[in-house]
Amino acid sequence: MQRYDLRHLKADFYDRMEEILNEMSPGEVGIFMFEIGDFSPVHESAKKIKEWGHELMNSLKYNEVDWTIVVKKKAGQ
């Protein structure tokens, strides 16, 4: 399990998150941190994780401006 800090990308973190997920081994778990802003990234990230075929294991507020999601890469991907 590794943590990936994507906060520096602001709301433009989806491409990098997908890139990292593609590099992860099947069954591996990653923790992603990003800025929430208006909360739309929370909903959008959950939607994209599902579209990409991975499992969103946890989603929680880290502090006043940051959010953390825990994602498990599906086996065979």
N, C-alpha and C. Protein backbone atom coordinates (compact mmCIF):
# COMPACT_ATOMS: atom_id res chain seq x y z
N MET A 1 0.85 -1.17 0.00
CA MET A 1 0.00 0.00 0.00
C MET A 1 0.90 1.23 0.00
N GLN A 2 0.56 2.14 -0.89
CA GLN A 2 1.35 3.37 -1.00
C GLN A 2 0.41 4.57 -1.05
N ARG A 3 0.89 5.69 -0.54
CA ARG A 3 0.10 6.92 -0.55
C ARG A 3 0.59 7.81 -1.68
N TYR A 4 -0.35 8.42 -2.38
CA TYR A 4 -0.03 9.31 -3.50
C TYR A 4 -0.66 10.67 -3.21
N ASP A 5 0.17 11.68 -3.10
CA ASP A 5 -0.29 13.04 -2.80
C ASP A 5 -0.51 13.78 -4.12
N LEU A 6 -1.76 13.99 -4.46
CA LEU A 6 -2.11 14.68 -5.70
C LEU A 6 -2.65 16.09 -5.44
N ARG A 7 -2.47 16.57 -4.23
CA ARG A 7 -3.00 17.89 -3.87
C ARG A 7 -2.43 19.02 -4.70
N HIS A 8 -1.19 18.89 -5.13
CA HIS A 8 -0.54 19.95 -5.91
C HIS A 8 -1.19 20.11 -7.30
N LEU A 9 -1.96 19.13 -7.73
CA LEU A 9 -2.63 19.19 -9.05
C LEU A 9 -3.99 19.89 -8.98
N LYS A 10 -4.39 20.27 -7.77
CA LYS A 10 -5.69 20.91 -7.54
C LYS A 10 -6.80 20.02 -8.10
N ALA A 11 -7.72 20.55 -8.92
CA ALA A 11 -8.84 19.77 -9.45
C ALA A 11 -8.49 18.96 -10.68
N ASP A 12 -7.25 19.04 -11.14
CA ASP A 12 -6.84 18.36 -12.37
C ASP A 12 -5.98 17.13 -12.04
N PHE A 13 -6.48 16.26 -11.17
CA PHE A 13 -5.69 15.11 -10.71
C PHE A 13 -6.13 13.78 -11.31
N TYR A 14 -7.23 13.75 -12.04
CA TYR A 14 -7.80 12.48 -12.52
C TYR A 14 -6.86 11.72 -13.46
N ASP A 15 -6.23 12.41 -14.40
CA ASP A 15 -5.31 11.74 -15.33
C ASP A 15 -4.15 11.10 -14.59
N ARG A 16 -3.61 11.81 -13.62
CA ARG A 16 -2.48 11.26 -12.86
C ARG A 16 -2.92 10.08 -12.01
N MET A 17 -4.10 10.17 -11.42
CA MET A 17 -4.61 9.07 -10.62
C MET A 17 -4.80 7.82 -11.49
N GLU A 18 -5.34 7.99 -12.68
CA GLU A 18 -5.52 6.86 -13.59
C GLU A 18 -4.16 6.28 -14.00
N GLU A 19 -3.21 7.14 -14.26
CA GLU A 19 -1.84 6.71 -14.61
C GLU A 19 -1.25 5.84 -13.50
N ILE A 20 -1.38 6.29 -12.27
CA ILE A 20 -0.85 5.54 -11.13
C ILE A 20 -1.56 4.20 -11.00
N LEU A 21 -2.88 4.20 -11.14
CA LEU A 21 -3.63 2.95 -11.04
C LEU A 21 -3.21 1.96 -12.12
N ASN A 22 -2.93 2.46 -13.31
CA ASN A 22 -2.48 1.58 -14.39
C ASN A 22 -1.12 0.96 -14.08
N GLU A 23 -0.28 1.65 -13.31
CA GLU A 23 1.04 1.17 -12.95
C GLU A 23 1.02 0.21 -11.76
N MET A 24 -0.06 0.24 -10.99
CA MET A 24 -0.16 -0.62 -9.80
C MET A 24 -0.38 -2.07 -10.20
N SER A 25 0.01 -2.98 -9.33
CA SER A 25 -0.20 -4.41 -9.55
C SER A 25 -1.65 -4.77 -9.24
N PRO A 26 -2.21 -5.78 -9.91
CA PRO A 26 -3.58 -6.23 -9.59
C PRO A 26 -3.70 -6.60 -8.11
N GLY A 27 -4.75 -6.13 -7.47
CA GLY A 27 -4.97 -6.38 -6.06
C GLY A 27 -4.29 -5.41 -5.13
N GLU A 28 -3.40 -4.56 -5.66
CA GLU A 28 -2.70 -3.58 -4.84
C GLU A 28 -3.64 -2.46 -4.42
N VAL A 29 -3.37 -1.90 -3.25
CA VAL A 29 -4.19 -0.82 -2.70
C VAL A 29 -3.37 0.47 -2.69
N GLY A 30 -4.00 1.56 -3.12
CA GLY A 30 -3.36 2.87 -3.11
C GLY A 30 -4.21 3.88 -2.36
N ILE A 31 -3.55 4.79 -1.68
CA ILE A 31 -4.23 5.87 -0.97
C ILE A 31 -3.94 7.16 -1.73
N PHE A 32 -4.99 7.85 -2.15
CA PHE A 32 -4.85 9.07 -2.93
C PHE A 32 -5.38 10.26 -2.13
N MET A 33 -4.57 11.33 -2.07
CA MET A 33 -4.98 12.56 -1.41
C MET A 33 -5.15 13.64 -2.47
N PHE A 34 -6.25 14.40 -2.37
CA PHE A 34 -6.49 15.50 -3.30
C PHE A 34 -7.27 16.60 -2.61
N GLU A 35 -7.25 17.79 -3.21
CA GLU A 35 -8.02 18.93 -2.69
C GLU A 35 -9.47 18.78 -3.08
N ILE A 36 -10.38 19.09 -2.15
CA ILE A 36 -11.80 18.91 -2.45
C ILE A 36 -12.46 20.14 -3.05
N GLY A 37 -12.02 21.32 -2.74
CA GLY A 37 -12.64 22.52 -3.29
C GLY A 37 -14.13 22.55 -3.01
N ASP A 38 -14.94 22.40 -4.06
CA ASP A 38 -16.40 22.47 -3.94
C ASP A 38 -17.05 21.08 -3.78
N PHE A 39 -16.30 20.10 -3.43
CA PHE A 39 -16.74 18.72 -3.22
C PHE A 39 -17.03 17.95 -4.50
N SER A 40 -17.05 18.61 -5.65
CA SER A 40 -17.30 17.86 -6.89
C SER A 40 -16.22 16.82 -7.17
N PRO A 41 -14.94 17.06 -6.81
CA PRO A 41 -13.93 16.02 -7.03
C PRO A 41 -14.19 14.73 -6.24
N VAL A 42 -14.88 14.85 -5.11
CA VAL A 42 -15.21 13.66 -4.32
C VAL A 42 -16.12 12.75 -5.12
N HIS A 43 -17.19 13.32 -5.65
CA HIS A 43 -18.15 12.54 -6.45
C HIS A 43 -17.53 12.06 -7.75
N GLU A 44 -16.79 12.93 -8.39
CA GLU A 44 -16.18 12.59 -9.68
C GLU A 44 -15.13 11.49 -9.53
N SER A 45 -14.33 11.54 -8.49
CA SER A 45 -13.31 10.50 -8.30
C SER A 45 -13.97 9.14 -8.05
N ALA A 46 -15.02 9.10 -7.27
CA ALA A 46 -15.73 7.84 -7.01
C ALA A 46 -16.32 7.30 -8.32
N LYS A 47 -16.87 8.18 -9.12
CA LYS A 47 -17.44 7.78 -10.41
C LYS A 47 -16.36 7.21 -11.34
N LYS A 48 -15.22 7.88 -11.39
CA LYS A 48 -14.13 7.43 -12.27
C LYS A 48 -13.54 6.10 -11.81
N ILE A 49 -13.38 5.92 -10.52
CA ILE A 49 -12.85 4.66 -9.99
C ILE A 49 -13.76 3.52 -10.45
N LYS A 50 -15.05 3.71 -10.34
CA LYS A 50 -16.01 2.68 -10.77
C LYS A 50 -15.90 2.45 -12.29
N GLU A 51 -15.84 3.54 -13.06
CA GLU A 51 -15.72 3.43 -14.53
C GLU A 51 -14.46 2.67 -14.93
N TRP A 52 -13.38 2.89 -14.20
CA TRP A 52 -12.11 2.24 -14.52
C TRP A 52 -12.08 0.79 -14.05
N GLY A 53 -13.11 0.38 -13.31
CA GLY A 53 -13.23 -1.01 -12.90
C GLY A 53 -12.50 -1.37 -11.62
N HIS A 54 -12.22 -0.38 -10.78
CA HIS A 54 -11.51 -0.64 -9.53
C HIS A 54 -12.48 -0.50 -8.36
N GLU A 55 -12.02 -0.84 -7.17
CA GLU A 55 -12.87 -0.81 -5.98
C GLU A 55 -12.50 0.35 -5.08
N LEU A 56 -13.47 1.21 -4.81
CA LEU A 56 -13.30 2.31 -3.86
C LEU A 56 -13.56 1.73 -2.47
N MET A 57 -12.51 1.63 -1.67
CA MET A 57 -12.62 0.98 -0.37
C MET A 57 -12.98 1.95 0.75
N ASN A 58 -12.57 3.21 0.60
CA ASN A 58 -12.83 4.20 1.63
C ASN A 58 -12.70 5.59 1.04
N SER A 59 -13.43 6.52 1.59
CA SER A 59 -13.40 7.91 1.14
C SER A 59 -13.69 8.77 2.37
N LEU A 60 -12.72 9.63 2.73
CA LEU A 60 -12.94 10.43 3.92
C LEU A 60 -12.23 11.77 3.86
N LYS A 61 -12.77 12.68 4.62
CA LYS A 61 -12.20 14.02 4.71
C LYS A 61 -10.95 13.96 5.56
N TYR A 62 -9.85 14.48 5.04
CA TYR A 62 -8.56 14.43 5.74
C TYR A 62 -8.39 15.63 6.66
N ASN A 63 -8.75 16.79 6.16
CA ASN A 63 -8.73 18.03 6.94
C ASN A 63 -9.71 18.99 6.28
N GLU A 64 -9.59 20.27 6.50
CA GLU A 64 -10.57 21.22 5.96
C GLU A 64 -10.59 21.32 4.44
N VAL A 65 -9.48 21.03 3.77
CA VAL A 65 -9.43 21.21 2.32
C VAL A 65 -9.05 19.95 1.54
N ASP A 66 -8.68 18.89 2.23
CA ASP A 66 -8.17 17.70 1.54
C ASP A 66 -9.06 16.49 1.77
N TRP A 67 -9.04 15.59 0.80
CA TRP A 67 -9.82 14.36 0.86
C TRP A 67 -8.89 13.19 0.57
N THR A 68 -9.20 12.05 1.15
CA THR A 68 -8.41 10.84 0.95
C THR A 68 -9.33 9.72 0.48
N ILE A 69 -8.91 9.01 -0.57
CA ILE A 69 -9.64 7.82 -0.99
C ILE A 69 -8.68 6.64 -1.00
N VAL A 70 -9.20 5.48 -0.70
CA VAL A 70 -8.44 4.25 -0.72
C VAL A 70 -9.02 3.40 -1.84
N VAL A 71 -8.16 3.01 -2.78
CA VAL A 71 -8.60 2.30 -3.97
C VAL A 71 -7.84 0.98 -4.12
N LYS A 72 -8.58 -0.06 -4.42
CA LYS A 72 -7.96 -1.37 -4.68
C LYS A 72 -8.07 -1.65 -6.18
N LYS A 73 -6.92 -1.89 -6.79
CA LYS A 73 -6.92 -2.21 -8.21
C LYS A 73 -7.48 -3.63 -8.38
N LYS A 74 -8.44 -3.76 -9.26
CA LYS A 74 -9.06 -5.06 -9.49
C LYS A 74 -8.05 -6.04 -10.06
N ALA A 75 -8.16 -7.28 -9.67
CA ALA A 75 -7.30 -8.33 -10.17
C ALA A 75 -7.53 -8.49 -11.67
N GLY A 76 -6.47 -8.73 -12.39
CA GLY A 76 -6.57 -8.95 -13.84
C GLY A 76 -6.56 -7.68 -14.67
N GLN A 77 -6.32 -6.54 -14.04
CA GLN A 77 -6.31 -5.30 -14.81
C GLN A 77 -4.92 -4.68 -14.82
